[in-house]
């Protein structure tokens, strides 16, 4: 068992898995963060912006924890104050 663990750790470092893991985490962050913004935009068109933001933040809080939900709430609040996005009206 000890030899298997030592080989796994050695192969992990040899094949550069640390770099791959960091790259996956980086891309996941930038892929997953915009999704709630799009969800809120779609739901806001149906039920209103404040209620949509509240509901999405509640779901995020349950899934990711309070700190991530607060961060996303702030990002959604800032995004809701934008009037244009690259020349297009929001």
N, C-alpha and C. Protein backbone atom coordinates (compact mmCIF):
# COMPACT_ATOMS: atom_id res chain seq x y z
N UNK A 1 0.82 -1.20 0.00
CA UNK A 1 0.00 0.00 0.00
C UNK A 1 0.86 1.26 0.00
N UNK A 2 1.91 1.23 0.79
CA UNK A 2 2.79 2.40 0.88
C UNK A 2 3.47 2.67 -0.46
N UNK A 3 3.86 1.60 -1.15
CA UNK A 3 4.50 1.75 -2.45
C UNK A 3 3.55 2.33 -3.48
N UNK A 4 2.29 1.92 -3.42
CA UNK A 4 1.29 2.44 -4.35
C UNK A 4 1.08 3.93 -4.14
N UNK A 5 0.99 4.35 -2.88
CA UNK A 5 0.82 5.76 -2.57
C UNK A 5 2.04 6.57 -3.02
N UNK A 6 3.24 6.04 -2.78
CA UNK A 6 4.46 6.74 -3.19
C UNK A 6 4.51 6.86 -4.71
N UNK A 7 4.12 5.81 -5.42
CA UNK A 7 4.12 5.87 -6.89
C UNK A 7 3.08 6.86 -7.40
N UNK A 8 1.92 6.90 -6.76
CA UNK A 8 0.88 7.84 -7.18
C UNK A 8 1.34 9.28 -7.00
N UNK A 9 1.95 9.58 -5.87
CA UNK A 9 2.45 10.93 -5.62
C UNK A 9 3.56 11.27 -6.59
N UNK A 10 4.46 10.32 -6.84
CA UNK A 10 5.56 10.56 -7.77
C UNK A 10 5.02 10.82 -9.19
N UNK A 11 4.07 10.01 -9.63
CA UNK A 11 3.48 10.20 -10.96
C UNK A 11 2.71 11.53 -11.04
N UNK A 12 2.07 11.90 -9.94
CA UNK A 12 1.33 13.17 -9.89
C UNK A 12 2.27 14.33 -10.19
N UNK A 13 3.44 14.33 -9.58
CA UNK A 13 4.40 15.41 -9.79
C UNK A 13 5.09 15.29 -11.14
N UNK A 14 5.42 14.07 -11.54
CA UNK A 14 6.14 13.84 -12.80
C UNK A 14 5.33 14.30 -14.01
N UNK A 15 4.04 14.04 -13.99
CA UNK A 15 3.19 14.36 -15.14
C UNK A 15 2.60 15.77 -15.09
N UNK A 16 3.00 16.55 -14.11
CA UNK A 16 2.56 17.95 -14.04
C UNK A 16 1.10 18.12 -13.69
N UNK A 17 0.59 17.23 -12.87
CA UNK A 17 -0.84 17.29 -12.53
C UNK A 17 -1.19 18.53 -11.71
N UNK A 18 -0.22 19.09 -11.02
CA UNK A 18 -0.49 20.31 -10.25
C UNK A 18 -0.89 21.44 -11.20
N UNK A 19 -0.17 21.56 -12.29
CA UNK A 19 -0.49 22.59 -13.28
C UNK A 19 -1.85 22.35 -13.91
N UNK A 20 -2.14 21.10 -14.22
CA UNK A 20 -3.44 20.76 -14.81
C UNK A 20 -4.59 21.03 -13.83
N UNK A 21 -4.37 20.70 -12.58
CA UNK A 21 -5.41 20.94 -11.57
C UNK A 21 -5.66 22.44 -11.40
N UNK A 22 -4.59 23.23 -11.40
CA UNK A 22 -4.74 24.69 -11.28
C UNK A 22 -5.46 25.25 -12.50
N UNK A 23 -5.14 24.74 -13.68
CA UNK A 23 -5.80 25.21 -14.90
C UNK A 23 -7.29 24.87 -14.88
N UNK A 24 -7.63 23.67 -14.44
CA UNK A 24 -9.04 23.29 -14.35
C UNK A 24 -9.79 24.17 -13.35
N UNK A 25 -9.17 24.45 -12.22
CA UNK A 25 -9.82 25.31 -11.23
C UNK A 25 -10.02 26.72 -11.78
N UNK A 26 -9.03 27.24 -12.48
CA UNK A 26 -9.12 28.57 -13.07
C UNK A 26 -10.24 28.64 -14.10
N UNK A 27 -10.29 27.68 -15.01
CA UNK A 27 -11.33 27.68 -16.03
C UNK A 27 -12.71 27.45 -15.43
N UNK A 28 -12.80 26.59 -14.43
CA UNK A 28 -14.09 26.35 -13.78
C UNK A 28 -14.62 27.63 -13.15
N UNK A 29 -13.74 28.40 -12.54
CA UNK A 29 -14.15 29.66 -11.92
C UNK A 29 -14.74 30.60 -12.96
N UNK A 30 -14.08 30.73 -14.09
CA UNK A 30 -14.54 31.68 -15.10
C UNK A 30 -15.68 31.15 -15.96
N UNK A 31 -15.95 29.88 -15.90
CA UNK A 31 -17.09 29.32 -16.62
C UNK A 31 -18.32 29.33 -15.73
N UNK A 32 -18.16 29.01 -14.46
CA UNK A 32 -19.31 28.88 -13.56
C UNK A 32 -19.82 30.20 -13.01
N UNK A 33 -18.97 31.18 -12.86
CA UNK A 33 -19.41 32.45 -12.29
C UNK A 33 -20.43 33.18 -13.16
N UNK A 34 -20.30 33.23 -14.48
CA UNK A 34 -21.30 33.95 -15.29
C UNK A 34 -22.67 33.26 -15.35
N UNK A 35 -22.74 31.98 -15.06
CA UNK A 35 -24.02 31.27 -15.16
C UNK A 35 -25.11 31.91 -14.29
N UNK A 36 -24.85 32.22 -13.00
CA UNK A 36 -25.91 32.87 -12.22
C UNK A 36 -26.32 34.23 -12.78
N UNK A 37 -25.40 34.94 -13.41
CA UNK A 37 -25.75 36.23 -14.01
C UNK A 37 -26.77 36.02 -15.12
N UNK A 38 -26.55 35.01 -15.96
CA UNK A 38 -27.51 34.72 -17.03
C UNK A 38 -28.83 34.21 -16.48
N UNK A 39 -28.77 33.40 -15.44
CA UNK A 39 -30.00 32.89 -14.83
C UNK A 39 -30.81 34.03 -14.24
N UNK A 40 -30.15 34.93 -13.53
CA UNK A 40 -30.85 36.06 -12.93
C UNK A 40 -31.45 36.94 -14.02
N UNK A 41 -30.72 37.15 -15.10
CA UNK A 41 -31.25 37.97 -16.19
C UNK A 41 -32.51 37.36 -16.77
N UNK A 42 -32.50 36.06 -16.97
CA UNK A 42 -33.68 35.39 -17.51
C UNK A 42 -34.86 35.39 -16.56
N UNK A 43 -34.60 35.09 -15.31
CA UNK A 43 -35.66 35.05 -14.30
C UNK A 43 -36.17 36.46 -14.02
N UNK A 44 -35.28 37.44 -14.04
CA UNK A 44 -35.67 38.83 -13.78
C UNK A 44 -36.68 39.32 -14.80
N UNK A 45 -36.56 38.85 -16.02
CA UNK A 45 -37.52 39.24 -17.04
C UNK A 45 -38.92 38.72 -16.72
N UNK A 46 -38.98 37.62 -15.98
CA UNK A 46 -40.27 37.02 -15.65
C UNK A 46 -40.85 37.52 -14.33
N UNK A 47 -40.02 37.62 -13.29
CA UNK A 47 -40.55 37.92 -11.95
C UNK A 47 -40.03 39.21 -11.34
N UNK A 48 -39.05 39.85 -11.95
CA UNK A 48 -38.48 41.07 -11.37
C UNK A 48 -37.07 40.82 -10.88
N UNK A 49 -36.23 41.84 -11.00
CA UNK A 49 -34.81 41.72 -10.71
C UNK A 49 -34.46 41.39 -9.28
N UNK A 50 -35.05 42.08 -8.31
CA UNK A 50 -34.69 41.88 -6.91
C UNK A 50 -35.06 40.48 -6.43
N UNK A 51 -36.24 40.02 -6.79
CA UNK A 51 -36.67 38.69 -6.38
C UNK A 51 -35.79 37.62 -7.03
N UNK A 52 -35.45 37.81 -8.29
CA UNK A 52 -34.60 36.85 -8.99
C UNK A 52 -33.22 36.77 -8.33
N UNK A 53 -32.63 37.92 -8.04
CA UNK A 53 -31.32 37.93 -7.38
C UNK A 53 -31.39 37.24 -6.02
N UNK A 54 -32.43 37.52 -5.26
CA UNK A 54 -32.59 36.91 -3.94
C UNK A 54 -32.66 35.39 -4.05
N UNK A 55 -33.45 34.90 -4.97
CA UNK A 55 -33.61 33.45 -5.12
C UNK A 55 -32.32 32.77 -5.56
N UNK A 56 -31.62 33.37 -6.50
CA UNK A 56 -30.36 32.78 -6.96
C UNK A 56 -29.33 32.78 -5.84
N UNK A 57 -29.25 33.85 -5.08
CA UNK A 57 -28.30 33.91 -3.97
C UNK A 57 -28.65 32.88 -2.90
N UNK A 58 -29.92 32.64 -2.65
CA UNK A 58 -30.33 31.62 -1.68
C UNK A 58 -29.89 30.23 -2.13
N UNK A 59 -30.07 29.94 -3.41
CA UNK A 59 -29.66 28.63 -3.94
C UNK A 59 -28.14 28.50 -3.86
N UNK A 60 -27.41 29.55 -4.25
CA UNK A 60 -25.96 29.51 -4.17
C UNK A 60 -25.47 29.33 -2.74
N UNK A 61 -26.14 29.96 -1.81
CA UNK A 61 -25.77 29.83 -0.41
C UNK A 61 -25.88 28.38 0.05
N UNK A 62 -26.95 27.71 -0.38
CA UNK A 62 -27.13 26.31 0.00
C UNK A 62 -26.10 25.42 -0.68
N UNK A 63 -25.71 25.75 -1.91
CA UNK A 63 -24.79 24.89 -2.66
C UNK A 63 -23.32 25.16 -2.35
N UNK A 64 -22.94 26.42 -2.19
CA UNK A 64 -21.53 26.75 -2.10
C UNK A 64 -21.09 27.35 -0.76
N UNK A 65 -22.02 27.73 0.06
CA UNK A 65 -21.66 28.34 1.33
C UNK A 65 -21.96 29.83 1.35
N UNK A 66 -21.99 30.37 2.51
CA UNK A 66 -22.40 31.76 2.71
C UNK A 66 -21.44 32.76 2.06
N UNK A 67 -20.14 32.53 2.18
CA UNK A 67 -19.16 33.49 1.66
C UNK A 67 -19.25 33.60 0.13
N UNK A 68 -19.36 32.47 -0.56
CA UNK A 68 -19.48 32.51 -2.01
C UNK A 68 -20.79 33.17 -2.43
N UNK A 69 -21.86 32.90 -1.69
CA UNK A 69 -23.15 33.50 -2.00
C UNK A 69 -23.10 35.02 -1.83
N UNK A 70 -22.42 35.49 -0.79
CA UNK A 70 -22.30 36.94 -0.58
C UNK A 70 -21.48 37.58 -1.71
N UNK A 71 -20.42 36.91 -2.13
CA UNK A 71 -19.60 37.41 -3.23
C UNK A 71 -20.42 37.49 -4.51
N UNK A 72 -21.20 36.44 -4.80
CA UNK A 72 -22.02 36.44 -6.00
C UNK A 72 -23.13 37.48 -5.90
N UNK A 73 -23.67 37.68 -4.72
CA UNK A 73 -24.70 38.70 -4.53
C UNK A 73 -24.15 40.08 -4.88
N UNK A 74 -22.94 40.36 -4.44
CA UNK A 74 -22.31 41.64 -4.74
C UNK A 74 -22.06 41.77 -6.25
N UNK A 75 -21.59 40.69 -6.88
CA UNK A 75 -21.35 40.71 -8.32
C UNK A 75 -22.65 40.93 -9.09
N UNK A 76 -23.72 40.28 -8.66
CA UNK A 76 -25.01 40.44 -9.33
C UNK A 76 -25.56 41.85 -9.13
N UNK A 77 -25.36 42.40 -7.94
CA UNK A 77 -25.82 43.77 -7.67
C UNK A 77 -25.08 44.76 -8.56
N UNK A 78 -23.77 44.58 -8.68
CA UNK A 78 -22.98 45.47 -9.55
C UNK A 78 -23.38 45.30 -11.01
N UNK A 79 -23.63 44.07 -11.44
CA UNK A 79 -24.04 43.82 -12.82
C UNK A 79 -25.40 44.43 -13.11
N UNK A 80 -26.27 44.45 -12.11
CA UNK A 80 -27.61 45.01 -12.34
C UNK A 80 -27.58 46.52 -12.49
N UNK A 81 -26.51 47.15 -12.05
CA UNK A 81 -26.40 48.60 -12.17
C UNK A 81 -25.81 49.03 -13.51
N UNK A 82 -25.32 48.08 -14.29
CA UNK A 82 -24.80 48.40 -15.62
C UNK A 82 -25.96 48.74 -16.55
N UNK A 83 -25.76 49.70 -17.39
CA UNK A 83 -26.79 50.02 -18.38
C UNK A 83 -26.40 49.57 -19.77
N UNK A 84 -25.08 49.43 -19.99
CA UNK A 84 -24.64 48.93 -21.29
C UNK A 84 -23.58 47.89 -21.11
N UNK A 85 -23.45 47.04 -22.10
CA UNK A 85 -22.42 46.02 -22.11
C UNK A 85 -21.85 45.98 -23.51
N UNK A 86 -20.72 46.57 -23.71
CA UNK A 86 -20.08 46.65 -25.03
C UNK A 86 -21.02 47.25 -26.05
N UNK A 87 -21.71 48.31 -25.68
CA UNK A 87 -22.56 49.00 -26.61
C UNK A 87 -23.98 48.49 -26.69
N UNK A 88 -24.28 47.36 -26.09
CA UNK A 88 -25.62 46.80 -26.14
C UNK A 88 -26.37 47.18 -24.87
N UNK A 89 -27.60 47.53 -25.00
CA UNK A 89 -28.40 47.89 -23.84
C UNK A 89 -28.83 46.63 -23.09
N UNK A 90 -28.66 46.63 -21.76
CA UNK A 90 -29.07 45.47 -20.96
C UNK A 90 -30.53 45.57 -20.58
